[in-house]
Each structure stands twice: as C-alpha cells, then as structure tokens.
N, C-alpha and C. Protein backbone atom coordinates (compact mmCIF):
# COMPACT_ATOMS: atom_id res chain seq x y z
N MET A 1 -26.17 131.83 -34.55
CA MET A 1 -26.34 130.36 -33.49
C MET A 1 -26.93 131.58 -32.31
N ALA A 2 -28.16 131.02 -32.10
CA ALA A 2 -29.01 131.56 -31.71
C ALA A 2 -28.52 131.97 -29.77
N THR A 3 -28.70 132.64 -29.40
CA THR A 3 -28.29 133.05 -27.37
C THR A 3 -29.71 131.51 -27.09
N VAL A 4 -29.68 130.98 -26.18
CA VAL A 4 -30.14 130.32 -25.29
C VAL A 4 -30.46 130.35 -24.05
N LEU A 5 -31.49 131.46 -23.16
CA LEU A 5 -31.58 131.34 -22.01
C LEU A 5 -32.09 129.64 -21.77
N LYS A 6 -31.51 129.41 -20.65
CA LYS A 6 -32.01 127.97 -19.53
C LYS A 6 -32.57 128.59 -18.23
N THR A 7 -33.51 127.53 -17.85
CA THR A 7 -34.57 128.05 -16.50
C THR A 7 -34.51 126.56 -15.87
N ASP A 8 -35.44 126.60 -14.74
CA ASP A 8 -35.81 124.79 -14.32
C ASP A 8 -36.51 124.96 -14.67
N GLY A 9 -36.51 124.32 -15.95
CA GLY A 9 -37.55 123.50 -17.19
C GLY A 9 -37.84 124.23 -17.56
N ALA A 10 -38.36 125.34 -17.60
CA ALA A 10 -39.26 126.19 -19.00
C ALA A 10 -38.64 126.35 -19.73
N PRO A 11 -38.93 126.40 -20.79
CA PRO A 11 -37.82 126.86 -21.64
C PRO A 11 -37.42 128.43 -22.21
N GLY A 12 -36.05 128.14 -23.10
CA GLY A 12 -35.41 129.03 -22.13
C GLY A 12 -35.95 130.30 -24.12
N LEU A 13 -35.71 131.43 -23.75
CA LEU A 13 -35.73 132.87 -25.05
C LEU A 13 -34.67 132.76 -24.87
N THR A 14 -34.38 133.00 -26.80
CA THR A 14 -33.70 133.19 -27.54
C THR A 14 -33.89 134.38 -27.61
N LEU A 15 -32.51 135.81 -28.24
CA LEU A 15 -32.50 136.28 -28.76
C LEU A 15 -34.01 135.77 -30.06
N ALA A 16 -33.36 135.43 -30.78
CA ALA A 16 -34.37 135.00 -32.05
C ALA A 16 -35.81 135.42 -31.57
N ASP A 17 -35.66 134.34 -30.64
CA ASP A 17 -37.39 134.34 -29.41
C ASP A 17 -38.14 136.05 -29.99
N LEU A 18 -37.64 136.89 -28.91
CA LEU A 18 -37.38 138.14 -28.82
C LEU A 18 -37.65 138.73 -29.85
N ALA A 19 -36.62 138.66 -31.06
CA ALA A 19 -36.94 139.38 -32.23
C ALA A 19 -38.14 138.81 -32.70
N GLU A 20 -38.51 137.88 -33.05
CA GLU A 20 -39.76 137.42 -33.56
C GLU A 20 -40.74 138.24 -32.74
N LEU A 21 -41.17 137.90 -31.26
CA LEU A 21 -42.19 138.93 -30.30
C LEU A 21 -42.18 139.71 -30.98
N VAL A 22 -41.40 141.14 -31.26
CA VAL A 22 -41.44 142.69 -31.40
C VAL A 22 -42.49 141.90 -32.58
N VAL A 23 -42.11 141.58 -33.83
CA VAL A 23 -41.86 141.57 -34.92
C VAL A 23 -43.71 141.34 -35.39
N THR A 24 -44.03 140.12 -34.27
CA THR A 24 -45.68 139.47 -34.76
C THR A 24 -45.99 140.03 -33.44
N HIS A 25 -45.81 140.57 -32.13
CA HIS A 25 -46.73 141.16 -31.89
C HIS A 25 -47.37 142.00 -31.99
N LEU A 26 -46.39 143.22 -32.27
CA LEU A 26 -46.25 144.38 -32.82
C LEU A 26 -46.87 144.97 -34.60
N GLU A 27 -46.76 144.12 -34.91
CA GLU A 27 -46.80 143.41 -36.87
C GLU A 27 -46.66 144.57 -37.74
N LEU A 28 -45.24 144.05 -37.43
CA LEU A 28 -44.10 145.12 -38.26
C LEU A 28 -44.03 144.12 -39.43
N ASP A 29 -43.86 145.05 -40.62
CA ASP A 29 -44.47 144.54 -41.91
C ASP A 29 -42.76 144.29 -41.93
N MET A 30 -41.82 143.13 -41.76
CA MET A 30 -40.65 142.79 -41.47
C MET A 30 -40.00 141.26 -41.13
N ASP A 31 -39.07 141.40 -41.54
CA ASP A 31 -38.13 139.52 -41.60
C ASP A 31 -37.76 139.96 -39.88
N SER A 32 -38.48 139.26 -38.81
CA SER A 32 -37.88 139.06 -36.97
C SER A 32 -35.91 138.38 -37.45
N GLN A 33 -35.18 137.55 -38.61
CA GLN A 33 -34.15 137.52 -38.28
C GLN A 33 -33.25 138.89 -39.21
N ALA A 34 -33.76 139.93 -39.51
CA ALA A 34 -33.16 141.28 -40.14
C ALA A 34 -32.81 141.82 -38.37
N LEU A 35 -33.40 141.52 -37.46
CA LEU A 35 -33.25 141.48 -36.50
C LEU A 35 -31.77 141.17 -35.31
N GLY A 36 -31.18 141.65 -34.70
CA GLY A 36 -29.99 142.21 -34.32
C GLY A 36 -29.74 143.22 -32.05
N ARG A 37 -29.15 142.63 -32.01
CA ARG A 37 -29.14 142.95 -30.89
C ARG A 37 -28.76 144.99 -30.75
N GLU A 38 -28.06 145.57 -31.91
CA GLU A 38 -27.95 146.36 -31.69
C GLU A 38 -29.02 147.17 -32.65
N THR A 39 -29.70 146.37 -33.25
CA THR A 39 -31.17 147.10 -33.28
C THR A 39 -31.66 147.98 -32.56
N ARG A 40 -32.00 149.32 -33.17
CA ARG A 40 -32.72 150.36 -31.92
C ARG A 40 -34.33 150.11 -31.87
N LEU A 41 -34.68 149.81 -30.74
CA LEU A 41 -36.46 149.61 -31.00
C LEU A 41 -36.92 151.02 -31.28
N MET A 42 -36.95 151.79 -30.64
CA MET A 42 -37.56 153.55 -30.89
C MET A 42 -36.31 154.55 -31.78
N GLY A 43 -37.14 155.21 -32.00
CA GLY A 43 -36.86 156.53 -32.23
C GLY A 43 -37.02 156.04 -33.91
N GLU A 44 -36.98 157.37 -34.67
CA GLU A 44 -36.66 157.31 -36.02
C GLU A 44 -34.62 156.79 -36.89
N ASP A 45 -34.38 156.12 -35.77
CA ASP A 45 -33.21 155.60 -36.32
C ASP A 45 -33.02 154.42 -35.88
N GLY A 46 -34.60 153.82 -35.52
CA GLY A 46 -34.85 152.26 -35.66
C GLY A 46 -36.01 151.87 -35.82
N LEU A 47 -37.30 150.90 -34.88
CA LEU A 47 -38.02 150.40 -36.12
C LEU A 47 -38.95 151.40 -35.61
N GLY A 48 -38.74 152.33 -34.75
CA GLY A 48 -39.61 153.37 -34.69
C GLY A 48 -40.43 153.15 -33.71
N LEU A 49 -40.65 152.04 -32.59
CA LEU A 49 -41.62 152.63 -31.75
C LEU A 49 -42.21 153.28 -30.53
N ASP A 50 -43.26 153.46 -30.22
CA ASP A 50 -43.20 154.81 -28.98
C ASP A 50 -43.39 153.88 -27.76
N SER A 51 -44.00 154.52 -26.81
CA SER A 51 -43.88 153.98 -25.50
C SER A 51 -45.65 153.49 -25.30
N VAL A 52 -45.98 153.51 -25.99
CA VAL A 52 -47.35 152.57 -26.40
C VAL A 52 -47.07 151.43 -26.60
N ASP A 53 -46.06 151.29 -28.19
CA ASP A 53 -45.60 149.96 -28.10
C ASP A 53 -44.73 149.19 -26.97
N CYS A 54 -43.80 149.85 -26.60
CA CYS A 54 -43.17 149.15 -25.47
C CYS A 54 -44.30 148.37 -23.99
N LEU A 55 -45.22 149.46 -23.62
CA LEU A 55 -45.98 148.87 -22.80
C LEU A 55 -46.73 147.31 -23.34
N GLU A 56 -47.13 147.67 -25.20
CA GLU A 56 -48.04 146.27 -25.13
C GLU A 56 -46.45 144.96 -24.89
N LEU A 57 -45.27 145.32 -25.06
CA LEU A 57 -44.16 144.10 -25.39
C LEU A 57 -44.35 143.62 -23.87
N ALA A 58 -43.74 145.00 -23.25
CA ALA A 58 -43.99 144.76 -21.69
C ALA A 58 -44.73 143.81 -21.16
N VAL A 59 -46.11 144.10 -21.32
CA VAL A 59 -47.21 143.29 -21.13
C VAL A 59 -46.97 141.43 -21.59
N ALA A 60 -46.88 141.16 -22.80
CA ALA A 60 -46.53 140.48 -23.37
C ALA A 60 -45.29 139.40 -23.04
N LEU A 61 -44.22 140.19 -22.17
CA LEU A 61 -43.25 139.63 -21.93
C LEU A 61 -43.30 138.84 -20.04
N GLN A 62 -44.35 140.17 -19.90
CA GLN A 62 -44.96 139.45 -18.71
C GLN A 62 -45.83 138.03 -18.91
N LYS A 63 -46.85 138.26 -20.40
CA LYS A 63 -47.62 137.20 -19.92
C LYS A 63 -47.05 135.53 -20.84
N LEU A 64 -46.67 135.79 -21.55
CA LEU A 64 -45.54 134.68 -22.40
C LEU A 64 -44.27 133.99 -20.86
N HIS A 65 -43.55 135.04 -20.69
CA HIS A 65 -42.50 134.36 -20.52
C HIS A 65 -42.47 135.01 -18.55
N ARG A 66 -43.35 135.34 -17.72
CA ARG A 66 -42.76 135.30 -16.72
C ARG A 66 -41.79 136.71 -16.03
N ILE A 67 -41.46 137.86 -17.06
CA ILE A 67 -40.61 138.89 -17.23
C ILE A 67 -41.40 140.19 -16.67
N ARG A 68 -41.58 140.13 -14.96
CA ARG A 68 -41.48 141.91 -14.76
C ARG A 68 -40.98 142.84 -15.46
N ILE A 69 -41.50 143.89 -16.09
CA ILE A 69 -40.67 145.15 -17.02
C ILE A 69 -41.55 146.27 -15.56
N THR A 70 -41.26 146.93 -15.04
CA THR A 70 -41.50 148.37 -14.91
C THR A 70 -41.21 149.76 -15.08
N GLN A 71 -41.45 150.71 -14.82
CA GLN A 71 -41.32 151.73 -15.64
C GLN A 71 -40.17 152.21 -15.04
N LYS A 72 -39.65 152.16 -14.11
CA LYS A 72 -38.34 152.29 -14.58
C LYS A 72 -37.10 151.62 -15.39
N ASP A 73 -37.24 150.57 -15.75
CA ASP A 73 -36.62 150.15 -16.96
C ASP A 73 -37.18 150.55 -18.56
N THR A 74 -37.74 151.47 -18.65
CA THR A 74 -37.82 152.21 -19.95
C THR A 74 -36.25 152.43 -20.96
N GLY A 75 -35.23 152.61 -20.49
CA GLY A 75 -33.72 152.51 -20.86
C GLY A 75 -33.54 151.75 -21.23
N ALA A 76 -34.49 150.16 -21.20
CA ALA A 76 -34.02 148.67 -22.40
C ALA A 76 -34.52 148.63 -23.55
N PHE A 77 -35.52 149.21 -23.87
CA PHE A 77 -36.31 149.58 -24.97
C PHE A 77 -35.59 149.88 -25.92
N GLN A 78 -34.27 150.84 -25.40
CA GLN A 78 -33.53 151.19 -26.24
C GLN A 78 -32.67 150.35 -27.82
N THR A 79 -32.15 149.28 -27.47
CA THR A 79 -32.24 148.18 -28.40
C THR A 79 -32.54 146.94 -27.72
N LEU A 80 -33.07 146.21 -28.99
CA LEU A 80 -32.85 144.24 -28.98
C LEU A 80 -32.15 143.85 -27.85
N GLY A 81 -31.35 144.38 -28.31
CA GLY A 81 -29.97 143.62 -27.14
C GLY A 81 -30.06 144.26 -24.95
N ALA A 82 -30.17 145.11 -25.72
CA ALA A 82 -30.92 145.40 -24.21
C ALA A 82 -32.09 144.94 -23.27
N LEU A 83 -32.78 144.93 -24.44
CA LEU A 83 -33.89 144.52 -23.54
C LEU A 83 -33.54 143.01 -23.19
N TYR A 84 -33.29 142.23 -23.73
CA TYR A 84 -32.83 140.92 -23.91
C TYR A 84 -31.91 140.60 -22.69
N ASP A 85 -31.12 141.65 -22.46
CA ASP A 85 -30.47 141.51 -21.45
C ASP A 85 -31.59 141.54 -19.67
N LEU A 86 -32.61 142.65 -20.15
CA LEU A 86 -33.50 142.67 -19.39
C LEU A 86 -34.10 141.48 -18.50
N CYS A 87 -33.82 140.68 -19.75
CA CYS A 87 -35.51 139.42 -19.54
C CYS A 87 -34.01 138.15 -18.61
N VAL A 88 -32.92 138.81 -19.62
CA VAL A 88 -32.33 137.33 -18.76
C VAL A 88 -32.31 137.72 -17.70
N GLU A 89 -31.66 139.11 -16.72
CA GLU A 89 -31.68 139.42 -15.30
C GLU A 89 -32.90 138.86 -14.54
N ARG A 90 -33.97 139.05 -14.92
CA ARG A 90 -35.37 139.68 -14.64
C ARG A 90 -35.60 137.32 -14.46
N ARG A 91 -35.41 136.87 -14.77
CA ARG A 91 -35.39 135.51 -15.30
C ARG A 91 -34.10 134.61 -13.97
N GLY A 92 -33.53 135.30 -14.05
CA GLY A 92 -32.47 135.13 -13.09
C GLY A 92 -31.54 133.45 -13.56
N GLU A 93 -31.37 133.88 -15.15
CA GLU A 93 -31.20 133.14 -16.27
C GLU A 93 -29.05 133.25 -16.67
N GLN A 94 -28.51 132.89 -17.23
CA GLN A 94 -27.85 132.95 -17.83
C GLN A 94 -27.55 132.88 -19.13
N ALA A 95 -27.34 133.63 -20.20
CA ALA A 95 -27.04 133.48 -21.39
C ALA A 95 -25.84 132.18 -21.99
N VAL A 96 -25.83 131.77 -22.58
CA VAL A 96 -24.91 130.27 -23.05
C VAL A 96 -25.15 130.53 -24.91
C-alpha cells in the first residue's frame, strides 16, 4: 500500500507518485512500480541519475508540488526514500 501525505486540502504525494514522476519526467525506460524506498537514484548501482537529472527533478517538484529543494539537499537524491522524506519534511506533512 502506498504512503499518502496529507495537506490542508492539497492533494497528497505518495511514494508511488514520486517514483512515477522520476520515471516519466526523466523519460526512464522502466516501470515506476519497480522502484521502492531503497532504490538508489544516483550512481551505477542505481538509476544512474546525474546532477542535471537531479536539478530537473528539483524543478519539477517545485513546480508540481511546491517543494523547495536547495543545493544543501543533494544528499536527499541518494535514494527514492530519502527524496520522499525530504518532500514530507518540506511540505510539513506526515506520512500515514
């Protein structure tokens, strides 16, 4: 079951939603359902994202979900779960 984030009337963001955003926005040739919390985003042992990919994701998250990601947040791009946790923190939401 997907984790849902609740906000004040705004749509929630699930881990599955974030995985879908990663796959579709970066045009990865894979099924987003294959991604989980421990999926590594960067490096050869993961999805192989580079700094440009991470910047594109940060911009997409800001535009679509009003989540501000700064240069200090680069560590959150290590795994899908870490990025999701940052989204939870920035939106002031609680995962349920």
